[in-house]
Each structure stands twice: as structure tokens, then as C-alpha cells.
Amino acid sequence: GLSPHTGVVPFVALLLLQRRPVAGRALLVTGSGCPGHGLCRSNVQEQTRRQVAVLNATAQELFSLYLKCQGEPFSSETDKLCNPAGIFFPAFRVNRTSERKEVMVAMYKLFAFLNASLGNITRDQEELNPMAKELLERLHNTTKTTRGLISNLTCLLCKNYNIFQVDVRYGDSSKGKSAFKKKQQGCQVLRKYVQVIGQAARVLLPHLSPS
């Protein structure tokens, strides 16, 4: 794969970049650079819980719908073509016993990556399957939920740990690849997403339960 460029991307810029996935890294910075606490809504923890639960509940359906819209050979050779072993996806190495701070940072990396990937996949599908209204709508809704989740995680990291930048690595953009490769990359990312979101929900939800 391409070696990712290094650069510090402030959260706000990250949120503006979602339609234009970039390869890049933002570095973890702690300090007094957190935006004012006005950033956090009062029910931010409850909202974060809900967003993770929604993403977890809809991931498999998104993947199935994506597959259906790509047609052959994706429908019949799903396991072979959509095997995500070779693609970059942020490692999710936390578990239920990890510290809450570690869990939050891992979550942020995961969903910032996912947000950029969804932008990539949506752009490709608008070009390859412009008539697939249901799929495009679901991609947009998933992106919207992911974006809301990122902004809530941003606020929780700032408020609770004074962390306002996180090291994020993005996957390769599919720009310039063949239609088949675009479909395949989307398929691999979404299959991996289905696997990881279940694990993420199991780890994160207990950390967000009303204490």
C-alpha cells in the first residue's frame, strides 16, 4: 500500500474532510487546546451509546445490500472477493478490561477511519450504481451517524482526558482504480466493518453505561 503521509489534522478539519478521504495521520496531543466545554451536550454519553448501538444493528444489512447491488461475481464469490485480510483497517486491540481512555481513543481511530472510508465508498457507488437509491441512502445515513459519533467522542476525549488530537490512519483511496477494484475495496471494508463494529459495541457500551 501507499505509505500514509504524516500531518496533524485538528478535529474540526477532520470533520470537514469526510467527503474527501485523505491518507494522513493526526498525532495524539494533550493539552489546553480543547475547544470550550460548550462542545458537549448534556446527554453526550447516552447519545454515544445510542449511535454505537444503531451502527451495530445496521452494519450487516448495509453489507448485504451493498453486495446485492454489486452483482456478480460478488454475490457468488463473496468469501473470496470480500475477504478483508489484505486491507488496512485500524486494529482494535482493546477489550472490556481496558481503561476507558484507551477504549475511547481506539474508538475514535476506528470511526474516523470508517467515516473516511464511507465517503470513499459512497462516492464510488454514486458513480457505479447511481440508481441504487436504497444503498446510497443507507450509506449517507451510516455516514451521518458515524459523524455524530465522532463529534461526541471528540467532546468526551476533550472533556474527560484533555485529548484533542488522535493519531488516525486512513485506508487507500480508490480514486483511479477500476470499477471492479472499487467494488472490491468497498466490499472488503464493509465486511471488516461488520466484524469490528460488533466487537466495538461489546467493548464500548459497558464503558458508557450510566455509572
N, C-alpha and C. Protein backbone atom coordinates (compact mmCIF):
# COMPACT_ATOMS: atom_id res chain seq x y z
N GLY A 1 0.84 -1.21 0.00
CA GLY A 1 0.00 0.00 0.00
C GLY A 1 0.86 1.24 0.00
N LEU A 2 0.25 2.37 -0.13
CA LEU A 2 0.98 3.63 -0.11
C LEU A 2 1.37 3.93 1.33
N SER A 3 2.50 4.58 1.52
CA SER A 3 2.81 4.95 2.89
C SER A 3 2.02 6.21 3.19
N PRO A 4 1.33 6.21 4.35
CA PRO A 4 0.48 7.37 4.63
C PRO A 4 1.33 8.60 4.92
N HIS A 5 0.87 9.74 4.49
CA HIS A 5 1.58 10.98 4.78
C HIS A 5 1.34 11.32 6.23
N THR A 6 2.23 12.08 6.80
CA THR A 6 2.08 12.44 8.19
C THR A 6 1.65 13.88 8.26
N GLY A 7 0.71 14.15 9.14
CA GLY A 7 0.30 15.54 9.29
C GLY A 7 -0.65 15.63 10.45
N VAL A 8 -0.68 16.76 11.09
CA VAL A 8 -1.59 16.92 12.20
C VAL A 8 -2.88 17.51 11.68
N VAL A 9 -3.96 16.81 11.91
CA VAL A 9 -5.26 17.28 11.45
C VAL A 9 -6.12 17.58 12.66
N PRO A 10 -6.43 18.83 12.92
CA PRO A 10 -7.29 19.10 14.07
C PRO A 10 -8.67 18.48 13.85
N PHE A 11 -9.36 18.18 14.95
CA PHE A 11 -10.67 17.55 14.86
C PHE A 11 -11.60 18.24 13.89
N VAL A 12 -11.65 19.56 13.98
CA VAL A 12 -12.62 20.30 13.18
C VAL A 12 -12.33 20.05 11.70
N ALA A 13 -11.06 20.08 11.35
CA ALA A 13 -10.69 19.83 9.96
C ALA A 13 -11.06 18.40 9.58
N LEU A 14 -10.87 17.47 10.51
CA LEU A 14 -11.23 16.07 10.24
C LEU A 14 -12.69 15.95 9.89
N LEU A 15 -13.53 16.66 10.62
CA LEU A 15 -14.96 16.56 10.39
C LEU A 15 -15.33 17.15 9.03
N LEU A 16 -14.54 18.11 8.57
CA LEU A 16 -14.84 18.72 7.27
C LEU A 16 -14.32 17.87 6.13
N LEU A 17 -13.45 16.92 6.45
CA LEU A 17 -12.80 16.14 5.38
C LEU A 17 -13.58 14.91 4.96
N GLN A 18 -14.73 14.68 5.63
CA GLN A 18 -15.29 13.35 5.42
C GLN A 18 -15.66 13.04 3.97
N ARG A 19 -15.97 14.05 3.15
CA ARG A 19 -16.29 13.73 1.78
C ARG A 19 -15.04 13.56 0.92
N ARG A 20 -13.88 13.87 1.50
CA ARG A 20 -12.66 13.82 0.70
C ARG A 20 -11.61 13.03 1.45
N PRO A 21 -11.74 11.69 1.46
CA PRO A 21 -10.83 10.89 2.28
C PRO A 21 -9.37 11.15 1.90
N VAL A 22 -8.54 11.27 2.88
CA VAL A 22 -7.13 11.51 2.60
C VAL A 22 -6.31 10.46 3.34
N ALA A 23 -5.14 10.20 2.83
CA ALA A 23 -4.22 9.37 3.59
C ALA A 23 -3.50 10.34 4.51
N GLY A 24 -3.46 10.05 5.76
CA GLY A 24 -2.78 11.01 6.63
C GLY A 24 -2.84 10.55 8.05
N ARG A 25 -2.05 11.16 8.89
CA ARG A 25 -2.09 10.81 10.31
C ARG A 25 -2.24 12.10 11.09
N ALA A 26 -3.01 12.00 12.15
CA ALA A 26 -3.07 13.12 13.08
C ALA A 26 -2.44 12.61 14.36
N LEU A 27 -1.69 13.43 15.02
CA LEU A 27 -0.95 12.95 16.19
C LEU A 27 -1.73 13.19 17.47
N LEU A 28 -1.50 12.32 18.43
CA LEU A 28 -2.16 12.48 19.72
C LEU A 28 -1.54 13.65 20.46
N VAL A 29 -2.35 14.60 20.83
CA VAL A 29 -1.84 15.77 21.55
C VAL A 29 -2.70 15.94 22.79
N THR A 30 -2.07 16.17 23.92
CA THR A 30 -2.87 16.50 25.09
C THR A 30 -2.47 17.90 25.51
N GLY A 31 -3.39 18.62 26.09
CA GLY A 31 -3.02 19.98 26.50
C GLY A 31 -4.24 20.86 26.54
N SER A 32 -4.00 22.14 26.50
CA SER A 32 -5.09 23.08 26.74
C SER A 32 -5.78 23.50 25.44
N GLY A 33 -5.61 22.72 24.38
CA GLY A 33 -6.19 23.13 23.10
C GLY A 33 -7.61 22.68 22.89
N CYS A 34 -8.23 22.09 23.93
CA CYS A 34 -9.60 21.62 23.74
C CYS A 34 -10.55 22.78 23.54
N PRO A 35 -11.45 22.63 22.58
CA PRO A 35 -12.47 23.67 22.42
C PRO A 35 -13.28 23.78 23.70
N GLY A 36 -13.96 24.85 23.89
CA GLY A 36 -14.72 25.05 25.12
C GLY A 36 -15.64 23.90 25.43
N HIS A 37 -15.96 23.69 26.70
CA HIS A 37 -16.79 22.54 27.05
C HIS A 37 -18.21 22.68 26.53
N GLY A 38 -18.53 23.83 25.95
CA GLY A 38 -19.82 24.00 25.31
C GLY A 38 -20.02 22.98 24.21
N LEU A 39 -18.90 22.32 23.83
CA LEU A 39 -18.93 21.33 22.76
C LEU A 39 -19.77 20.12 23.15
N CYS A 40 -19.85 19.82 24.46
CA CYS A 40 -20.53 18.62 24.91
C CYS A 40 -21.99 18.89 25.22
N ARG A 41 -22.86 18.05 24.67
CA ARG A 41 -24.26 18.12 25.09
C ARG A 41 -24.39 17.40 26.42
N SER A 42 -25.46 17.71 27.14
CA SER A 42 -25.60 17.13 28.48
C SER A 42 -25.76 15.61 28.43
N ASN A 43 -26.39 15.12 27.37
CA ASN A 43 -26.64 13.67 27.31
C ASN A 43 -25.65 12.98 26.38
N VAL A 44 -24.44 13.50 26.32
CA VAL A 44 -23.48 13.02 25.30
C VAL A 44 -23.19 11.53 25.44
N GLN A 45 -23.13 11.03 26.68
CA GLN A 45 -22.79 9.63 26.85
C GLN A 45 -23.92 8.72 26.36
N GLU A 46 -25.13 9.11 26.70
CA GLU A 46 -26.31 8.36 26.27
C GLU A 46 -26.41 8.37 24.74
N GLN A 47 -26.11 9.52 24.16
CA GLN A 47 -26.19 9.66 22.71
C GLN A 47 -25.14 8.79 22.02
N THR A 48 -23.94 8.77 22.59
CA THR A 48 -22.85 7.96 22.04
C THR A 48 -23.23 6.48 22.07
N ARG A 49 -23.78 6.06 23.18
CA ARG A 49 -24.28 4.68 23.32
C ARG A 49 -25.25 4.35 22.20
N ARG A 50 -26.20 5.27 21.99
CA ARG A 50 -27.25 5.04 21.00
C ARG A 50 -26.66 4.93 19.60
N GLN A 51 -25.71 5.80 19.30
CA GLN A 51 -25.11 5.79 17.96
C GLN A 51 -24.35 4.49 17.69
N VAL A 52 -23.61 4.02 18.69
CA VAL A 52 -22.88 2.76 18.52
C VAL A 52 -23.86 1.61 18.33
N ALA A 53 -24.93 1.62 19.12
CA ALA A 53 -25.94 0.56 19.03
C ALA A 53 -26.60 0.56 17.64
N VAL A 54 -26.91 1.76 17.11
CA VAL A 54 -27.52 1.86 15.78
C VAL A 54 -26.57 1.33 14.71
N LEU A 55 -25.31 1.73 14.78
CA LEU A 55 -24.34 1.26 13.78
C LEU A 55 -24.20 -0.26 13.84
N ASN A 56 -24.15 -0.79 15.05
CA ASN A 56 -24.02 -2.23 15.22
C ASN A 56 -25.24 -2.97 14.66
N ALA A 57 -26.41 -2.39 14.89
CA ALA A 57 -27.65 -3.05 14.45
C ALA A 57 -27.84 -3.01 12.93
N THR A 58 -27.22 -2.05 12.26
CA THR A 58 -27.47 -1.89 10.82
C THR A 58 -26.30 -2.33 9.93
N ALA A 59 -25.18 -2.70 10.52
CA ALA A 59 -23.97 -2.99 9.72
C ALA A 59 -24.17 -4.16 8.75
N GLN A 60 -24.74 -5.25 9.26
CA GLN A 60 -24.89 -6.45 8.42
C GLN A 60 -25.83 -6.17 7.24
N GLU A 61 -26.87 -5.41 7.50
CA GLU A 61 -27.83 -5.08 6.45
C GLU A 61 -27.18 -4.21 5.37
N LEU A 62 -26.35 -3.27 5.81
CA LEU A 62 -25.64 -2.42 4.86
C LEU A 62 -24.74 -3.27 3.96
N PHE A 63 -24.03 -4.21 4.58
CA PHE A 63 -23.14 -5.08 3.82
C PHE A 63 -23.93 -5.93 2.81
N SER A 64 -25.03 -6.51 3.25
CA SER A 64 -25.85 -7.36 2.36
C SER A 64 -26.40 -6.56 1.19
N LEU A 65 -26.86 -5.36 1.48
CA LEU A 65 -27.42 -4.50 0.43
C LEU A 65 -26.32 -4.10 -0.56
N TYR A 66 -25.15 -3.79 -0.03
CA TYR A 66 -24.00 -3.43 -0.87
C TYR A 66 -23.70 -4.58 -1.84
N LEU A 67 -23.63 -5.80 -1.27
CA LEU A 67 -23.33 -6.99 -2.09
C LEU A 67 -24.34 -7.15 -3.21
N LYS A 68 -25.62 -7.05 -2.84
CA LYS A 68 -26.71 -7.25 -3.80
C LYS A 68 -26.55 -6.26 -4.97
N CYS A 69 -26.17 -5.03 -4.66
CA CYS A 69 -26.07 -4.00 -5.71
C CYS A 69 -24.82 -4.14 -6.58
N GLN A 70 -23.84 -4.90 -6.14
CA GLN A 70 -22.62 -5.05 -6.96
C GLN A 70 -22.78 -6.14 -8.01
N GLY A 71 -23.77 -7.02 -7.81
CA GLY A 71 -24.00 -8.09 -8.79
C GLY A 71 -22.88 -9.12 -8.80
N GLU A 72 -22.82 -9.88 -9.88
CA GLU A 72 -21.77 -10.91 -9.99
C GLU A 72 -20.42 -10.27 -10.29
N PRO A 73 -19.30 -10.90 -9.92
CA PRO A 73 -19.19 -12.17 -9.20
C PRO A 73 -19.29 -12.00 -7.67
N PHE A 74 -19.64 -10.80 -7.21
CA PHE A 74 -19.60 -10.56 -5.76
C PHE A 74 -20.63 -11.40 -5.00
N SER A 75 -21.80 -11.63 -5.61
CA SER A 75 -22.83 -12.40 -4.91
C SER A 75 -22.42 -13.85 -4.71
N SER A 76 -21.80 -14.43 -5.73
CA SER A 76 -21.48 -15.86 -5.62
C SER A 76 -20.10 -16.12 -5.00
N GLU A 77 -19.21 -15.17 -5.07
CA GLU A 77 -17.85 -15.40 -4.54
C GLU A 77 -17.51 -14.44 -3.41
N THR A 78 -18.51 -14.19 -2.58
CA THR A 78 -18.34 -13.19 -1.51
C THR A 78 -17.12 -13.47 -0.64
N ASP A 79 -16.98 -14.73 -0.20
CA ASP A 79 -15.90 -15.04 0.75
C ASP A 79 -14.54 -14.77 0.14
N LYS A 80 -14.39 -15.09 -1.12
CA LYS A 80 -13.10 -14.90 -1.78
C LYS A 80 -12.85 -13.42 -2.06
N LEU A 81 -13.83 -12.75 -2.68
CA LEU A 81 -13.61 -11.37 -3.13
C LEU A 81 -13.65 -10.35 -2.00
N CYS A 82 -14.41 -10.65 -0.95
CA CYS A 82 -14.59 -9.65 0.11
C CYS A 82 -13.76 -9.96 1.35
N ASN A 83 -12.86 -10.93 1.23
CA ASN A 83 -12.02 -11.25 2.38
C ASN A 83 -11.14 -10.05 2.72
N PRO A 84 -11.30 -9.49 3.92
CA PRO A 84 -10.60 -8.23 4.22
C PRO A 84 -9.17 -8.42 4.74
N ALA A 85 -8.64 -9.65 4.64
CA ALA A 85 -7.32 -9.91 5.24
C ALA A 85 -6.24 -8.94 4.77
N GLY A 86 -6.27 -8.57 3.48
CA GLY A 86 -5.16 -7.78 2.95
C GLY A 86 -5.30 -6.27 3.09
N ILE A 87 -6.45 -5.80 3.58
CA ILE A 87 -6.64 -4.34 3.58
C ILE A 87 -6.29 -3.73 4.94
N PHE A 88 -5.96 -2.46 4.93
CA PHE A 88 -5.70 -1.78 6.20
C PHE A 88 -7.03 -1.43 6.86
N PHE A 89 -7.12 -1.74 8.12
CA PHE A 89 -8.27 -1.34 8.93
C PHE A 89 -7.69 -1.15 10.32
N PRO A 90 -8.05 -0.08 11.04
CA PRO A 90 -7.39 0.15 12.33
C PRO A 90 -7.55 -1.06 13.25
N ALA A 91 -6.44 -1.50 13.85
CA ALA A 91 -6.51 -2.63 14.78
C ALA A 91 -7.30 -2.18 16.00
N PHE A 92 -8.19 -3.04 16.46
CA PHE A 92 -8.99 -2.69 17.63
C PHE A 92 -8.54 -3.60 18.75
N ARG A 93 -7.51 -3.17 19.49
CA ARG A 93 -6.86 -4.08 20.44
C ARG A 93 -7.31 -3.88 21.88
N VAL A 94 -8.44 -3.23 22.08
CA VAL A 94 -8.90 -3.04 23.46
C VAL A 94 -9.97 -4.08 23.78
N ASN A 95 -10.15 -4.34 25.05
CA ASN A 95 -11.23 -5.25 25.44
C ASN A 95 -11.93 -4.67 26.67
N ARG A 96 -12.81 -5.44 27.25
CA ARG A 96 -13.64 -4.91 28.34
C ARG A 96 -12.85 -4.46 29.55
N THR A 97 -11.64 -5.02 29.71
CA THR A 97 -10.87 -4.65 30.90
C THR A 97 -9.93 -3.48 30.64
N SER A 98 -9.87 -3.02 29.38
CA SER A 98 -9.00 -1.87 29.07
C SER A 98 -9.53 -0.62 29.79
N GLU A 99 -8.64 0.33 30.02
CA GLU A 99 -9.07 1.59 30.62
C GLU A 99 -10.01 2.31 29.69
N ARG A 100 -10.92 3.07 30.26
CA ARG A 100 -11.91 3.78 29.45
C ARG A 100 -11.23 4.72 28.45
N LYS A 101 -10.18 5.38 28.89
CA LYS A 101 -9.49 6.33 28.00
C LYS A 101 -8.96 5.61 26.75
N GLU A 102 -8.35 4.45 26.98
CA GLU A 102 -7.81 3.65 25.86
C GLU A 102 -8.92 3.25 24.90
N VAL A 103 -10.05 2.85 25.47
CA VAL A 103 -11.19 2.43 24.67
C VAL A 103 -11.69 3.59 23.80
N MET A 104 -11.78 4.78 24.42
CA MET A 104 -12.27 5.96 23.70
C MET A 104 -11.34 6.33 22.53
N VAL A 105 -10.04 6.26 22.77
CA VAL A 105 -9.08 6.60 21.72
C VAL A 105 -9.16 5.58 20.58
N ALA A 106 -9.25 4.29 20.94
CA ALA A 106 -9.36 3.24 19.92
C ALA A 106 -10.63 3.43 19.10
N MET A 107 -11.71 3.80 19.79
CA MET A 107 -12.98 4.05 19.11
C MET A 107 -12.86 5.21 18.13
N TYR A 108 -12.21 6.27 18.60
CA TYR A 108 -12.06 7.44 17.75
C TYR A 108 -11.33 7.06 16.46
N LYS A 109 -10.22 6.31 16.60
CA LYS A 109 -9.44 5.91 15.42
C LYS A 109 -10.30 5.09 14.47
N LEU A 110 -11.07 4.17 15.06
CA LEU A 110 -11.90 3.30 14.25
C LEU A 110 -12.95 4.08 13.46
N PHE A 111 -13.65 4.99 14.15
CA PHE A 111 -14.76 5.68 13.48
C PHE A 111 -14.29 6.80 12.56
N ALA A 112 -13.14 7.40 12.85
CA ALA A 112 -12.59 8.40 11.92
C ALA A 112 -12.19 7.70 10.62
N PHE A 113 -11.60 6.51 10.76
CA PHE A 113 -11.24 5.72 9.58
C PHE A 113 -12.49 5.32 8.81
N LEU A 114 -13.49 4.84 9.55
CA LEU A 114 -14.72 4.38 8.92
C LEU A 114 -15.41 5.53 8.19
N ASN A 115 -15.42 6.69 8.82
CA ASN A 115 -16.07 7.85 8.22
C ASN A 115 -15.45 8.19 6.86
N ALA A 116 -14.12 8.20 6.81
CA ALA A 116 -13.42 8.49 5.55
C ALA A 116 -13.70 7.39 4.52
N SER A 117 -13.71 6.13 4.98
CA SER A 117 -13.96 5.01 4.07
C SER A 117 -15.37 5.07 3.49
N LEU A 118 -16.34 5.43 4.34
CA LEU A 118 -17.72 5.54 3.86
C LEU A 118 -17.83 6.64 2.79
N GLY A 119 -17.08 7.72 2.98
CA GLY A 119 -17.05 8.79 1.97
C GLY A 119 -16.56 8.26 0.64
N ASN A 120 -15.51 7.48 0.70
CA ASN A 120 -14.90 6.85 -0.47
C ASN A 120 -15.90 5.92 -1.17
N ILE A 121 -16.52 5.04 -0.37
CA ILE A 121 -17.46 4.04 -0.91
C ILE A 121 -18.68 4.74 -1.51
N THR A 122 -19.18 5.76 -0.82
CA THR A 122 -20.37 6.47 -1.31
C THR A 122 -20.07 7.14 -2.65
N ARG A 123 -18.90 7.77 -2.74
CA ARG A 123 -18.52 8.43 -3.99
C ARG A 123 -18.45 7.40 -5.13
N ASP A 124 -17.85 6.25 -4.86
CA ASP A 124 -17.74 5.20 -5.89
C ASP A 124 -19.11 4.68 -6.30
N GLN A 125 -19.99 4.49 -5.32
CA GLN A 125 -21.32 3.94 -5.63
C GLN A 125 -22.20 4.95 -6.36
N GLU A 126 -22.01 6.23 -6.06
CA GLU A 126 -22.77 7.25 -6.80
C GLU A 126 -22.41 7.20 -8.27
N GLU A 127 -21.17 6.84 -8.54
CA GLU A 127 -20.68 6.76 -9.92
C GLU A 127 -21.06 5.42 -10.55
N LEU A 128 -20.91 4.32 -9.79
CA LEU A 128 -21.11 2.98 -10.36
C LEU A 128 -22.57 2.51 -10.32
N ASN A 129 -23.28 2.91 -9.27
CA ASN A 129 -24.67 2.46 -9.10
C ASN A 129 -25.59 3.62 -8.77
N PRO A 130 -25.66 4.62 -9.66
CA PRO A 130 -26.41 5.83 -9.32
C PRO A 130 -27.89 5.58 -9.06
N MET A 131 -28.42 4.45 -9.56
CA MET A 131 -29.84 4.17 -9.37
C MET A 131 -30.13 3.41 -8.08
N ALA A 132 -29.10 2.99 -7.39
CA ALA A 132 -29.30 2.18 -6.17
C ALA A 132 -29.66 3.09 -5.00
N LYS A 133 -30.89 3.60 -5.05
CA LYS A 133 -31.32 4.62 -4.09
C LYS A 133 -31.21 4.15 -2.64
N GLU A 134 -31.67 2.91 -2.41
CA GLU A 134 -31.70 2.41 -1.03
C GLU A 134 -30.29 2.29 -0.45
N LEU A 135 -29.37 1.79 -1.27
CA LEU A 135 -27.98 1.65 -0.83
C LEU A 135 -27.37 3.02 -0.55
N LEU A 136 -27.56 3.96 -1.46
CA LEU A 136 -26.98 5.29 -1.29
C LEU A 136 -27.54 5.97 -0.04
N GLU A 137 -28.82 5.78 0.18
CA GLU A 137 -29.45 6.39 1.35
C GLU A 137 -28.87 5.79 2.63
N ARG A 138 -28.70 4.47 2.62
CA ARG A 138 -28.15 3.80 3.79
C ARG A 138 -26.69 4.22 4.04
N LEU A 139 -25.94 4.38 2.96
CA LEU A 139 -24.56 4.85 3.12
C LEU A 139 -24.55 6.26 3.72
N HIS A 140 -25.43 7.13 3.22
CA HIS A 140 -25.50 8.50 3.75
C HIS A 140 -25.90 8.50 5.23
N ASN A 141 -26.89 7.67 5.58
CA ASN A 141 -27.34 7.62 6.97
C ASN A 141 -26.25 7.10 7.90
N THR A 142 -25.54 6.06 7.43
CA THR A 142 -24.45 5.49 8.25
C THR A 142 -23.37 6.54 8.45
N THR A 143 -23.08 7.30 7.39
CA THR A 143 -22.07 8.35 7.49
C THR A 143 -22.50 9.41 8.49
N LYS A 144 -23.78 9.77 8.44
CA LYS A 144 -24.30 10.80 9.34
C LYS A 144 -24.17 10.35 10.80
N THR A 145 -24.53 9.10 11.06
CA THR A 145 -24.43 8.56 12.42
C THR A 145 -22.96 8.52 12.87
N THR A 146 -22.09 8.09 11.95
CA THR A 146 -20.67 8.00 12.28
C THR A 146 -20.09 9.38 12.60
N ARG A 147 -20.52 10.36 11.83
CA ARG A 147 -20.04 11.72 12.04
C ARG A 147 -20.49 12.26 13.39
N GLY A 148 -21.75 11.97 13.75
CA GLY A 148 -22.26 12.39 15.05
C GLY A 148 -21.49 11.72 16.17
N LEU A 149 -21.19 10.45 15.96
CA LEU A 149 -20.43 9.68 16.95
C LEU A 149 -19.04 10.27 17.13
N ILE A 150 -18.39 10.64 16.03
CA ILE A 150 -17.05 11.23 16.11
C ILE A 150 -17.10 12.52 16.91
N SER A 151 -18.12 13.32 16.66
CA SER A 151 -18.16 14.60 17.37
C SER A 151 -18.43 14.37 18.87
N ASN A 152 -19.20 13.35 19.21
CA ASN A 152 -19.40 13.02 20.62
C ASN A 152 -18.13 12.46 21.27
N LEU A 153 -17.42 11.61 20.53
CA LEU A 153 -16.16 11.07 21.07
C LEU A 153 -15.14 12.18 21.25
N THR A 154 -15.14 13.13 20.31
CA THR A 154 -14.23 14.28 20.41
C THR A 154 -14.47 15.01 21.72
N CYS A 155 -15.74 15.25 21.99
CA CYS A 155 -16.08 16.01 23.17
C CYS A 155 -15.75 15.23 24.45
N LEU A 156 -16.00 13.92 24.44
CA LEU A 156 -15.70 13.11 25.63
C LEU A 156 -14.19 13.04 25.88
N LEU A 157 -13.42 12.90 24.79
CA LEU A 157 -11.95 12.84 24.94
C LEU A 157 -11.41 14.16 25.48
N CYS A 158 -11.97 15.25 24.96
CA CYS A 158 -11.54 16.57 25.41
C CYS A 158 -11.90 16.80 26.87
N LYS A 159 -13.17 16.57 27.16
CA LYS A 159 -13.70 16.90 28.48
C LYS A 159 -13.07 16.03 29.57
N ASN A 160 -12.98 14.72 29.29
CA ASN A 160 -12.54 13.80 30.34
C ASN A 160 -11.03 13.61 30.41
N TYR A 161 -10.34 13.75 29.26
CA TYR A 161 -8.91 13.41 29.24
C TYR A 161 -8.05 14.52 28.66
N ASN A 162 -8.67 15.61 28.28
CA ASN A 162 -7.92 16.72 27.69
C ASN A 162 -7.14 16.31 26.44
N ILE A 163 -7.67 15.35 25.72
CA ILE A 163 -7.03 14.93 24.47
C ILE A 163 -7.80 15.57 23.34
N PHE A 164 -7.12 16.30 22.45
CA PHE A 164 -7.86 16.92 21.37
C PHE A 164 -7.33 16.57 20.00
N GLN A 165 -6.34 15.71 19.92
CA GLN A 165 -5.95 15.19 18.62
C GLN A 165 -5.54 13.74 18.77
N VAL A 166 -5.94 12.92 17.84
CA VAL A 166 -5.68 11.49 17.93
C VAL A 166 -4.99 11.04 16.65
N ASP A 167 -4.08 10.10 16.80
CA ASP A 167 -3.33 9.55 15.68
C ASP A 167 -4.29 8.68 14.85
N VAL A 168 -4.62 9.14 13.66
CA VAL A 168 -5.55 8.40 12.82
C VAL A 168 -4.87 8.03 11.51
N ARG A 169 -5.03 6.79 11.10
CA ARG A 169 -4.51 6.40 9.80
C ARG A 169 -5.68 6.02 8.90
N TYR A 170 -5.65 6.48 7.67
CA TYR A 170 -6.74 6.21 6.74
C TYR A 170 -6.33 5.16 5.72
N GLY A 171 -7.32 4.49 5.15
CA GLY A 171 -7.05 3.49 4.11
C GLY A 171 -6.71 4.18 2.80
N ASP A 172 -6.37 3.37 1.81
CA ASP A 172 -6.06 3.91 0.48
C ASP A 172 -7.34 4.42 -0.16
N SER A 173 -7.24 5.52 -0.86
CA SER A 173 -8.38 5.99 -1.63
C SER A 173 -8.53 5.08 -2.85
N SER A 174 -9.76 4.94 -3.34
CA SER A 174 -9.97 4.07 -4.51
C SER A 174 -9.97 4.89 -5.79
N LYS A 175 -9.71 6.19 -5.68
CA LYS A 175 -9.71 7.06 -6.87
C LYS A 175 -8.77 6.48 -7.93
N GLY A 176 -9.26 6.45 -9.16
CA GLY A 176 -8.39 5.98 -10.24
C GLY A 176 -8.33 4.47 -10.39
N LYS A 177 -8.96 3.71 -9.48
CA LYS A 177 -8.94 2.26 -9.63
C LYS A 177 -10.07 1.82 -10.56
N SER A 178 -9.99 0.60 -11.06
CA SER A 178 -11.04 0.09 -11.96
C SER A 178 -12.35 -0.09 -11.19
N ALA A 179 -13.45 -0.18 -11.94
CA ALA A 179 -14.77 -0.36 -11.30
C ALA A 179 -14.75 -1.61 -10.42
N PHE A 180 -14.15 -2.68 -10.92
CA PHE A 180 -14.10 -3.92 -10.15
C PHE A 180 -13.36 -3.72 -8.83
N LYS A 181 -12.21 -3.06 -8.92
CA LYS A 181 -11.39 -2.81 -7.72
C LYS A 181 -12.13 -1.92 -6.72
N LYS A 182 -12.86 -0.93 -7.23
CA LYS A 182 -13.63 -0.06 -6.35
C LYS A 182 -14.69 -0.87 -5.60
N LYS A 183 -15.39 -1.70 -6.35
CA LYS A 183 -16.41 -2.54 -5.73
C LYS A 183 -15.79 -3.47 -4.69
N GLN A 184 -14.64 -4.03 -5.06
CA GLN A 184 -13.98 -4.97 -4.16
C GLN A 184 -13.49 -4.29 -2.88
N GLN A 185 -12.91 -3.12 -3.03
CA GLN A 185 -12.41 -2.41 -1.85
C GLN A 185 -13.57 -2.09 -0.90
N GLY A 186 -14.68 -1.62 -1.46
CA GLY A 186 -15.85 -1.31 -0.63
C GLY A 186 -16.34 -2.55 0.09
N CYS A 187 -16.36 -3.64 -0.64
CA CYS A 187 -16.83 -4.92 -0.12
C CYS A 187 -15.94 -5.41 1.04
N GLN A 188 -14.63 -5.27 0.89
CA GLN A 188 -13.70 -5.69 1.93
C GLN A 188 -13.84 -4.82 3.17
N VAL A 189 -13.92 -3.52 2.95
CA VAL A 189 -14.04 -2.59 4.08
C VAL A 189 -15.34 -2.84 4.85
N LEU A 190 -16.44 -3.01 4.13
CA LEU A 190 -17.73 -3.20 4.79
C LEU A 190 -17.81 -4.54 5.51
N ARG A 191 -17.17 -5.57 4.94
CA ARG A 191 -17.18 -6.86 5.64
C ARG A 191 -16.38 -6.76 6.95
N LYS A 192 -15.25 -6.08 6.88
CA LYS A 192 -14.42 -5.91 8.07
C LYS A 192 -15.19 -5.06 9.10
N TYR A 193 -15.88 -4.06 8.61
CA TYR A 193 -16.69 -3.19 9.47
C TYR A 193 -17.72 -4.01 10.25
N VAL A 194 -18.38 -4.95 9.56
CA VAL A 194 -19.37 -5.80 10.23
C VAL A 194 -18.70 -6.57 11.37
N GLN A 195 -17.50 -7.09 11.11
CA GLN A 195 -16.80 -7.87 12.15
C GLN A 195 -16.41 -6.97 13.33
N VAL A 196 -15.87 -5.78 13.01
CA VAL A 196 -15.31 -4.94 14.06
C VAL A 196 -16.38 -4.20 14.86
N ILE A 197 -17.47 -3.78 14.22
CA ILE A 197 -18.47 -2.98 14.94
C ILE A 197 -19.11 -3.81 16.06
N GLY A 198 -19.28 -5.11 15.83
CA GLY A 198 -19.84 -5.98 16.86
C GLY A 198 -18.93 -6.01 18.08
N GLN A 199 -17.65 -6.15 17.82
CA GLN A 199 -16.64 -6.18 18.88
C GLN A 199 -16.59 -4.82 19.58
N ALA A 200 -16.61 -3.75 18.79
CA ALA A 200 -16.54 -2.40 19.34
C ALA A 200 -17.72 -2.13 20.26
N ALA A 201 -18.90 -2.55 19.83
CA ALA A 201 -20.11 -2.33 20.64
C ALA A 201 -19.99 -3.07 21.97
N ARG A 202 -19.52 -4.31 21.92
CA ARG A 202 -19.39 -5.10 23.16
C ARG A 202 -18.43 -4.45 24.14
N VAL A 203 -17.36 -3.86 23.60
CA VAL A 203 -16.34 -3.25 24.47
C VAL A 203 -16.77 -1.88 24.96
N LEU A 204 -17.37 -1.09 24.06
CA LEU A 204 -17.65 0.30 24.42
C LEU A 204 -18.89 0.46 25.29
N LEU A 205 -19.94 -0.27 24.99
CA LEU A 205 -21.22 0.01 25.65
C LEU A 205 -21.13 -0.07 27.18
N PRO A 206 -20.43 -1.08 27.75
CA PRO A 206 -20.31 -1.09 29.23
C PRO A 206 -19.60 0.16 29.77
N HIS A 207 -18.67 0.72 28.99
CA HIS A 207 -17.94 1.91 29.44
C HIS A 207 -18.83 3.15 29.42
N LEU A 208 -19.91 3.07 28.67
CA LEU A 208 -20.77 4.25 28.54
C LEU A 208 -22.05 4.13 29.36
N SER A 209 -22.19 2.98 30.02
CA SER A 209 -23.45 2.81 30.77
C SER A 209 -23.46 3.82 31.92
N PRO A 210 -24.63 4.31 32.24
CA PRO A 210 -24.74 5.31 33.31
C PRO A 210 -24.08 4.74 34.57
N SER A 211 -23.09 5.43 35.10
CA SER A 211 -22.37 4.85 36.23
C SER A 211 -23.13 5.13 37.52
